[in-house]
Amino acid sequence: MKEMPIGPSGSLWSPHLQSWLVPDGANLRLYDHAGQMRLTHAEAEAQRAEAAFQRAETEARRAQALAEKLRSLGIDPDQIL
């Protein structure tokens, strides 16, 4: 059986997972070869939800700014469309 290389902090490289296995309390975290933490499914979903929320907030601010600009030009944005 081939030995798994030991990295910093007692981490182990798993060729099967192509990841470093790093102790994190009672659990193991996985990191890619570049040292970026691999997210769990729940963490990835939460990250996507946060990004969608941020995009929605940005679009709402943009829409508000455009509506204010139209009002400053004497156009009621609620009467458009």
C-alpha atoms as a PDB file:
ATOM      1  CA  MET A   1       0.000   0.000   0.000  1.00  0.00           C
ATOM      2  CA  LYS A   2       1.336   3.419  -0.966  1.00  0.00           C
ATOM      3  CA  GLU A   3       1.833   5.933   1.847  1.00  0.00           C
ATOM      4  CA  MET A   4      -0.172   9.154   1.784  1.00  0.00           C
ATOM      5  CA  PRO A   5       2.074  12.232   1.966  1.00  0.00           C
ATOM      6  CA  ILE A   6       1.732  14.242   5.168  1.00  0.00           C
ATOM      7  CA  GLY A   7       1.430  17.997   4.733  1.00  0.00           C
ATOM      8  CA  PRO A   8       1.294  21.016   7.007  1.00  0.00           C
ATOM      9  CA  SER A   9      -0.740  20.714  10.221  1.00  0.00           C
ATOM     10  CA  GLY A  10      -0.791  16.934   9.971  1.00  0.00           C
ATOM     11  CA  SER A  11      -2.886  16.970   6.821  1.00  0.00           C
ATOM     12  CA  LEU A  12      -2.894  14.027   4.450  1.00  0.00           C
ATOM     13  CA  TRP A  13      -3.094  14.127   0.650  1.00  0.00           C
ATOM     14  CA  SER A  14      -5.731  11.802  -0.816  1.00  0.00           C
ATOM     15  CA  PRO A  15      -5.063  11.009  -4.458  1.00  0.00           C
ATOM     16  CA  HIS A  16      -8.509   9.425  -4.683  1.00  0.00           C
ATOM     17  CA  LEU A  17     -10.226  12.671  -3.553  1.00  0.00           C
ATOM     18  CA  GLN A  18      -7.535  14.922  -5.038  1.00  0.00           C
ATOM     19  CA  SER A  19      -7.717  16.786  -1.738  1.00  0.00           C
ATOM     20  CA  TRP A  20      -5.823  17.474   1.451  1.00  0.00           C
ATOM     21  CA  LEU A  21      -7.613  16.006   4.475  1.00  0.00           C
ATOM     22  CA  VAL A  22      -7.169  18.520   7.282  1.00  0.00           C
ATOM     23  CA  PRO A  23      -8.292  17.973  10.885  1.00  0.00           C
ATOM     24  CA  ASP A  24     -10.951  20.466  12.002  1.00  0.00           C
ATOM     25  CA  GLY A  25     -12.024  19.583  15.510  1.00  0.00           C
ATOM     26  CA  ALA A  26     -13.807  16.244  15.355  1.00  0.00           C
ATOM     27  CA  ASN A  27     -14.190  16.513  11.566  1.00  0.00           C
ATOM     28  CA  LEU A  28     -11.998  16.598   8.493  1.00  0.00           C
ATOM     29  CA  ARG A  29     -12.068  19.452   5.992  1.00  0.00           C
ATOM     30  CA  LEU A  30     -11.020  18.948   2.396  1.00  0.00           C
ATOM     31  CA  TYR A  31      -8.736  21.383   0.587  1.00  0.00           C
ATOM     32  CA  ASP A  32      -7.756  21.284  -3.064  1.00  0.00           C
ATOM     33  CA  HIS A  33      -4.160  21.177  -4.287  1.00  0.00           C
ATOM     34  CA  ALA A  34      -3.998  25.009  -4.271  1.00  0.00           C
ATOM     35  CA  GLY A  35      -5.100  25.143  -0.641  1.00  0.00           C
ATOM     36  CA  GLN A  36      -8.682  26.289  -1.279  1.00  0.00           C
ATOM     37  CA  MET A  37     -11.211  24.764   1.075  1.00  0.00           C
ATOM     38  CA  ARG A  38     -13.751  22.526  -0.635  1.00  0.00           C
ATOM     39  CA  LEU A  39     -17.254  23.447   0.476  1.00  0.00           C
ATOM     40  CA  THR A  40     -19.858  21.009   1.684  1.00  0.00           C
ATOM     41  CA  HIS A  41     -23.071  20.863  -0.338  1.00  0.00           C
ATOM     42  CA  ALA A  42     -24.843  22.973   2.313  1.00  0.00           C
ATOM     43  CA  GLU A  43     -22.033  25.552   2.336  1.00  0.00           C
ATOM     44  CA  ALA A  44     -22.067  25.791  -1.463  1.00  0.00           C
ATOM     45  CA  GLU A  45     -25.868  26.247  -1.475  1.00  0.00           C
ATOM     46  CA  ALA A  46     -25.627  28.949   1.191  1.00  0.00           C
ATOM     47  CA  GLN A  47     -22.903  30.703  -0.812  1.00  0.00           C
ATOM     48  CA  ARG A  48     -25.048  30.610  -3.973  1.00  0.00           C
ATOM     49  CA  ALA A  49     -28.064  31.930  -2.042  1.00  0.00           C
ATOM     50  CA  GLU A  50     -25.994  34.784  -0.601  1.00  0.00           C
ATOM     51  CA  ALA A  51     -24.667  35.679  -4.063  1.00  0.00           C
ATOM     52  CA  ALA A  52     -28.221  35.676  -5.477  1.00  0.00           C
ATOM     53  CA  PHE A  53     -29.381  37.889  -2.610  1.00  0.00           C
ATOM     54  CA  GLN A  54     -26.513  40.329  -3.235  1.00  0.00           C
ATOM     55  CA  ARG A  55     -27.346  40.452  -6.974  1.00  0.00           C
ATOM     56  CA  ALA A  56     -31.005  41.126  -6.168  1.00  0.00           C
ATOM     57  CA  GLU A  57     -30.073  43.938  -3.786  1.00  0.00           C
ATOM     58  CA  THR A  58     -27.764  45.475  -6.397  1.00  0.00           C
ATOM     59  CA  GLU A  59     -30.507  45.318  -9.032  1.00  0.00           C
ATOM     60  CA  ALA A  60     -33.030  46.862  -6.629  1.00  0.00           C
ATOM     61  CA  ARG A  61     -30.644  49.760  -5.894  1.00  0.00           C
ATOM     62  CA  ARG A  62     -30.041  50.211  -9.616  1.00  0.00           C
ATOM     63  CA  ALA A  63     -33.792  50.228 -10.342  1.00  0.00           C
ATOM     64  CA  GLN A  64     -34.344  52.777  -7.570  1.00  0.00           C
ATOM     65  CA  ALA A  65     -31.581  55.021  -8.933  1.00  0.00           C
ATOM     66  CA  LEU A  66     -33.061  54.831 -12.440  1.00  0.00           C
ATOM     67  CA  ALA A  67     -36.535  55.632 -11.108  1.00  0.00           C
ATOM     68  CA  GLU A  68     -35.144  58.657  -9.260  1.00  0.00           C
ATOM     69  CA  LYS A  69     -33.382  59.815 -12.423  1.00  0.00           C
ATOM     70  CA  LEU A  70     -36.617  59.530 -14.407  1.00  0.00           C
ATOM     71  CA  ARG A  71     -38.473  61.508 -11.736  1.00  0.00           C
ATOM     72  CA  SER A  72     -35.804  64.220 -11.876  1.00  0.00           C
ATOM     73  CA  LEU A  73     -36.507  64.443 -15.623  1.00  0.00           C
ATOM     74  CA  GLY A  74     -40.230  64.827 -14.953  1.00  0.00           C
ATOM     75  CA  ILE A  75     -41.134  61.276 -15.945  1.00  0.00           C
ATOM     76  CA  ASP A  76     -43.209  59.093 -13.652  1.00  0.00           C
ATOM     77  CA  PRO A  77     -41.558  55.634 -13.797  1.00  0.00           C
ATOM     78  CA  ASP A  78     -44.806  54.019 -12.647  1.00  0.00           C
ATOM     79  CA  GLN A  79     -46.506  55.221 -15.849  1.00  0.00           C
ATOM     80  CA  ILE A  80     -43.949  53.545 -18.116  1.00  0.00           C
ATOM     81  CA  LEU A  81     -44.949  50.153 -19.529  1.00  0.00           C
END
